[in-house]
Amino acid sequence: MKKAIKWGLITLSVGTFLYLAISFFVVSWLSYFSSSKRAELTSQEKIFFKKLKTKYGFEEISRTPETEKKRFHPKDTIAYELYMSYIDCNKTKNDYQNTADSIVKQINQNIDLDKKFYKYFITLYCDSGTNPSYKYSYLRKDVK
């Protein structure tokens, strides 16, 4: 009788553990894929990034936020960040500042962002993205 109770408790414990582990995995998997859908570049961003690449010689441009939920339905104030791999690393600090200023003006003119985006961060990378050369931040000004 003691053996039957012992095996019953072991089976019940293992079954409960497996049930909790599997249900945790399923819930985590579902919440991850439903909430973190990556936002594709909008047509405005594609055209804008292409112009920046040809004008300034950037190799690669990426932006955040990357998820669709934060990008298109922000619940709180949020920053729009651009990361650019820069080819020409032999410019002065003033040249980089002028480039970042120009990019911010162009963002205001070319990309229709939600009003909750309050700040821009521009990061220019040297040597194909190895070390950040310069980082700039700007408060958003509605220029229309």
C-alpha atoms as a PDB file:
ATOM      1  CA  MET A   1       0.000   0.000   0.000  1.00  0.00           C
ATOM      2  CA  LYS A   2       2.845   2.389   0.845  1.00  0.00           C
ATOM      3  CA  LYS A   3       4.457   1.689  -2.559  1.00  0.00           C
ATOM      4  CA  ALA A   4       1.248   2.546  -4.393  1.00  0.00           C
ATOM      5  CA  ILE A   5       0.864   5.829  -2.517  1.00  0.00           C
ATOM      6  CA  LYS A   6       4.532   6.646  -3.079  1.00  0.00           C
ATOM      7  CA  TRP A   7       4.300   5.989  -6.861  1.00  0.00           C
ATOM      8  CA  GLY A   8       1.014   7.873  -7.050  1.00  0.00           C
ATOM      9  CA  LEU A   9       2.553  10.954  -5.406  1.00  0.00           C
ATOM     10  CA  ILE A  10       5.606  10.783  -7.683  1.00  0.00           C
ATOM     11  CA  THR A  11       3.397  10.478 -10.780  1.00  0.00           C
ATOM     12  CA  LEU A  12       1.183  13.342  -9.602  1.00  0.00           C
ATOM     13  CA  SER A  13       4.215  15.557  -8.868  1.00  0.00           C
ATOM     14  CA  VAL A  14       5.855  14.865 -12.235  1.00  0.00           C
ATOM     15  CA  GLY A  15       2.548  15.371 -14.066  1.00  0.00           C
ATOM     16  CA  THR A  16       1.920  18.682 -12.301  1.00  0.00           C
ATOM     17  CA  PHE A  17       5.447  19.875 -13.036  1.00  0.00           C
ATOM     18  CA  LEU A  18       5.155  18.943 -16.731  1.00  0.00           C
ATOM     19  CA  TYR A  19       1.747  20.620 -16.998  1.00  0.00           C
ATOM     20  CA  LEU A  20       3.055  23.870 -15.475  1.00  0.00           C
ATOM     21  CA  ALA A  21       6.220  23.819 -17.593  1.00  0.00           C
ATOM     22  CA  ILE A  22       4.335  23.251 -20.847  1.00  0.00           C
ATOM     23  CA  SER A  23       1.673  25.851 -20.065  1.00  0.00           C
ATOM     24  CA  PHE A  24       4.371  28.414 -19.156  1.00  0.00           C
ATOM     25  CA  PHE A  25       6.172  27.709 -22.450  1.00  0.00           C
ATOM     26  CA  VAL A  26       2.966  28.051 -24.491  1.00  0.00           C
ATOM     27  CA  VAL A  27       1.929  31.313 -22.810  1.00  0.00           C
ATOM     28  CA  SER A  28       5.426  32.779 -23.198  1.00  0.00           C
ATOM     29  CA  TRP A  29       5.588  31.751 -26.836  1.00  0.00           C
ATOM     30  CA  LEU A  30       2.166  33.210 -27.633  1.00  0.00           C
ATOM     31  CA  SER A  31       2.799  36.498 -25.843  1.00  0.00           C
ATOM     32  CA  TYR A  32       6.212  36.916 -27.483  1.00  0.00           C
ATOM     33  CA  PHE A  33       4.953  36.446 -31.023  1.00  0.00           C
ATOM     34  CA  SER A  34       1.780  38.453 -30.562  1.00  0.00           C
ATOM     35  CA  SER A  35       3.356  41.525 -28.937  1.00  0.00           C
ATOM     36  CA  SER A  36       6.729  41.840 -30.632  1.00  0.00           C
ATOM     37  CA  LYS A  37       5.854  41.879 -34.289  1.00  0.00           C
ATOM     38  CA  ARG A  38       8.632  43.720 -36.095  1.00  0.00           C
ATOM     39  CA  ALA A  39       7.553  46.870 -37.850  1.00  0.00           C
ATOM     40  CA  GLU A  40       8.585  47.024 -41.473  1.00  0.00           C
ATOM     41  CA  LEU A  41       9.897  50.279 -42.867  1.00  0.00           C
ATOM     42  CA  THR A  42       7.125  52.505 -44.138  1.00  0.00           C
ATOM     43  CA  SER A  43       7.289  53.735 -47.726  1.00  0.00           C
ATOM     44  CA  GLN A  44       8.227  57.194 -46.400  1.00  0.00           C
ATOM     45  CA  GLU A  45      11.132  55.706 -44.452  1.00  0.00           C
ATOM     46  CA  LYS A  46      12.334  53.612 -47.399  1.00  0.00           C
ATOM     47  CA  ILE A  47      12.471  56.649 -49.678  1.00  0.00           C
ATOM     48  CA  PHE A  48      14.014  58.819 -46.947  1.00  0.00           C
ATOM     49  CA  PHE A  49      16.698  56.252 -46.062  1.00  0.00           C
ATOM     50  CA  LYS A  50      17.569  55.799 -49.738  1.00  0.00           C
ATOM     51  CA  LYS A  51      18.035  59.575 -50.085  1.00  0.00           C
ATOM     52  CA  LEU A  52      20.255  59.659 -46.983  1.00  0.00           C
ATOM     53  CA  LYS A  53      22.400  56.807 -48.281  1.00  0.00           C
ATOM     54  CA  THR A  54      23.017  58.522 -51.608  1.00  0.00           C
ATOM     55  CA  LYS A  55      23.482  62.037 -50.167  1.00  0.00           C
ATOM     56  CA  TYR A  56      25.782  61.170 -47.250  1.00  0.00           C
ATOM     57  CA  GLY A  57      27.233  57.837 -48.330  1.00  0.00           C
ATOM     58  CA  PHE A  58      25.852  55.784 -45.437  1.00  0.00           C
ATOM     59  CA  GLU A  59      26.339  52.049 -45.798  1.00  0.00           C
ATOM     60  CA  GLU A  60      23.485  51.029 -43.534  1.00  0.00           C
ATOM     61  CA  ILE A  61      20.656  52.744 -41.672  1.00  0.00           C
ATOM     62  CA  SER A  62      18.541  51.213 -38.944  1.00  0.00           C
ATOM     63  CA  ARG A  63      15.948  52.698 -36.618  1.00  0.00           C
ATOM     64  CA  THR A  64      14.111  52.058 -33.415  1.00  0.00           C
ATOM     65  CA  PRO A  65      11.532  51.371 -32.196  1.00  0.00           C
ATOM     66  CA  GLU A  66      11.523  48.087 -34.049  1.00  0.00           C
ATOM     67  CA  THR A  67       8.245  46.618 -32.855  1.00  0.00           C
ATOM     68  CA  GLU A  68       4.984  47.443 -34.536  1.00  0.00           C
ATOM     69  CA  LYS A  69       3.227  48.084 -31.226  1.00  0.00           C
ATOM     70  CA  LYS A  70       5.664  50.808 -30.152  1.00  0.00           C
ATOM     71  CA  ARG A  71       6.101  52.221 -33.645  1.00  0.00           C
ATOM     72  CA  PHE A  72       2.480  52.675 -34.656  1.00  0.00           C
ATOM     73  CA  HIS A  73       0.594  52.736 -31.322  1.00  0.00           C
ATOM     74  CA  PRO A  74       2.863  54.254 -28.670  1.00  0.00           C
ATOM     75  CA  LYS A  75       1.179  54.528 -25.270  1.00  0.00           C
ATOM     76  CA  ASP A  76       3.732  56.925 -23.825  1.00  0.00           C
ATOM     77  CA  THR A  77       6.254  59.414 -25.164  1.00  0.00           C
ATOM     78  CA  ILE A  78       8.982  57.721 -27.126  1.00  0.00           C
ATOM     79  CA  ALA A  79      12.167  58.561 -29.023  1.00  0.00           C
ATOM     80  CA  TYR A  80      12.876  57.913 -32.700  1.00  0.00           C
ATOM     81  CA  GLU A  81      16.436  56.679 -33.076  1.00  0.00           C
ATOM     82  CA  LEU A  82      18.518  56.374 -36.245  1.00  0.00           C
ATOM     83  CA  TYR A  83      21.777  54.436 -36.394  1.00  0.00           C
ATOM     84  CA  MET A  84      23.922  55.059 -39.447  1.00  0.00           C
ATOM     85  CA  SER A  85      27.124  53.366 -40.507  1.00  0.00           C
ATOM     86  CA  TYR A  86      29.198  56.131 -41.977  1.00  0.00           C
ATOM     87  CA  ILE A  87      31.820  55.549 -44.655  1.00  0.00           C
ATOM     88  CA  ASP A  88      33.873  58.753 -44.352  1.00  0.00           C
ATOM     89  CA  CYS A  89      35.490  58.746 -40.911  1.00  0.00           C
ATOM     90  CA  ASN A  90      37.858  61.641 -41.582  1.00  0.00           C
ATOM     91  CA  LYS A  91      35.493  64.537 -40.961  1.00  0.00           C
ATOM     92  CA  THR A  92      35.558  67.132 -38.216  1.00  0.00           C
ATOM     93  CA  LYS A  93      33.146  67.219 -35.294  1.00  0.00           C
ATOM     94  CA  ASN A  94      31.436  70.250 -36.841  1.00  0.00           C
ATOM     95  CA  ASP A  95      30.792  68.317 -40.075  1.00  0.00           C
ATOM     96  CA  TYR A  96      29.109  65.509 -38.129  1.00  0.00           C
ATOM     97  CA  GLN A  97      27.012  68.051 -36.204  1.00  0.00           C
ATOM     98  CA  ASN A  98      25.874  69.672 -39.474  1.00  0.00           C
ATOM     99  CA  THR A  99      24.998  66.252 -40.900  1.00  0.00           C
ATOM    100  CA  ALA A 100      22.919  65.359 -37.849  1.00  0.00           C
ATOM    101  CA  ASP A 101      21.143  68.742 -37.918  1.00  0.00           C
ATOM    102  CA  SER A 102      20.294  68.266 -41.573  1.00  0.00           C
ATOM    103  CA  ILE A 103      18.989  64.740 -40.968  1.00  0.00           C
ATOM    104  CA  VAL A 104      16.664  65.944 -38.196  1.00  0.00           C
ATOM    105  CA  LYS A 105      15.239  68.664 -40.438  1.00  0.00           C
ATOM    106  CA  GLN A 106      14.656  66.057 -43.142  1.00  0.00           C
ATOM    107  CA  ILE A 107      12.957  63.690 -40.688  1.00  0.00           C
ATOM    108  CA  ASN A 108      10.494  66.446 -39.799  1.00  0.00           C
ATOM    109  CA  GLN A 109       9.782  67.062 -43.473  1.00  0.00           C
ATOM    110  CA  ASN A 110       9.718  63.501 -44.827  1.00  0.00           C
ATOM    111  CA  ILE A 111       8.402  61.155 -42.127  1.00  0.00           C
ATOM    112  CA  ASP A 112       4.964  61.461 -40.574  1.00  0.00           C
ATOM    113  CA  LEU A 113       5.551  60.281 -37.001  1.00  0.00           C
ATOM    114  CA  ASP A 114       3.009  59.933 -34.223  1.00  0.00           C
ATOM    115  CA  LYS A 115       2.805  62.974 -31.925  1.00  0.00           C
ATOM    116  CA  LYS A 116       4.089  60.876 -29.017  1.00  0.00           C
ATOM    117  CA  PHE A 117       7.561  60.771 -30.576  1.00  0.00           C
ATOM    118  CA  TYR A 118       9.138  63.649 -28.688  1.00  0.00           C
ATOM    119  CA  LYS A 119      12.836  63.198 -29.306  1.00  0.00           C
ATOM    120  CA  TYR A 120      15.285  62.137 -32.021  1.00  0.00           C
ATOM    121  CA  PHE A 121      18.568  60.345 -31.449  1.00  0.00           C
ATOM    122  CA  ILE A 122      21.075  60.313 -34.301  1.00  0.00           C
ATOM    123  CA  THR A 123      24.088  58.012 -34.001  1.00  0.00           C
ATOM    124  CA  LEU A 124      26.815  58.055 -36.638  1.00  0.00           C
ATOM    125  CA  TYR A 125      29.145  55.047 -36.716  1.00  0.00           C
ATOM    126  CA  CYS A 126      32.598  54.877 -38.195  1.00  0.00           C
ATOM    127  CA  ASP A 127      34.258  51.812 -39.733  1.00  0.00           C
ATOM    128  CA  SER A 128      31.024  50.014 -40.648  1.00  0.00           C
ATOM    129  CA  GLY A 129      29.455  50.189 -37.204  1.00  0.00           C
ATOM    130  CA  THR A 130      32.265  49.170 -34.888  1.00  0.00           C
ATOM    131  CA  ASN A 131      32.608  52.210 -32.632  1.00  0.00           C
ATOM    132  CA  PRO A 132      30.140  55.070 -32.295  1.00  0.00           C
ATOM    133  CA  SER A 133      31.679  58.227 -33.609  1.00  0.00           C
ATOM    134  CA  TYR A 134      29.086  60.725 -32.466  1.00  0.00           C
ATOM    135  CA  LYS A 135      25.673  60.657 -30.809  1.00  0.00           C
ATOM    136  CA  TYR A 136      23.231  63.542 -31.013  1.00  0.00           C
ATOM    137  CA  SER A 137      19.824  64.103 -29.445  1.00  0.00           C
ATOM    138  CA  TYR A 138      17.187  66.611 -30.442  1.00  0.00           C
ATOM    139  CA  LEU A 139      13.797  67.527 -29.089  1.00  0.00           C
ATOM    140  CA  ARG A 140      11.120  67.250 -31.729  1.00  0.00           C
ATOM    141  CA  LYS A 141       9.770  70.445 -33.165  1.00  0.00           C
ATOM    142  CA  ASP A 142       6.696  70.262 -35.330  1.00  0.00           C
ATOM    143  CA  VAL A 143       7.806  71.810 -38.574  1.00  0.00           C
ATOM    144  CA  LYS A 144       5.050  71.738 -41.161  1.00  0.00           C
END
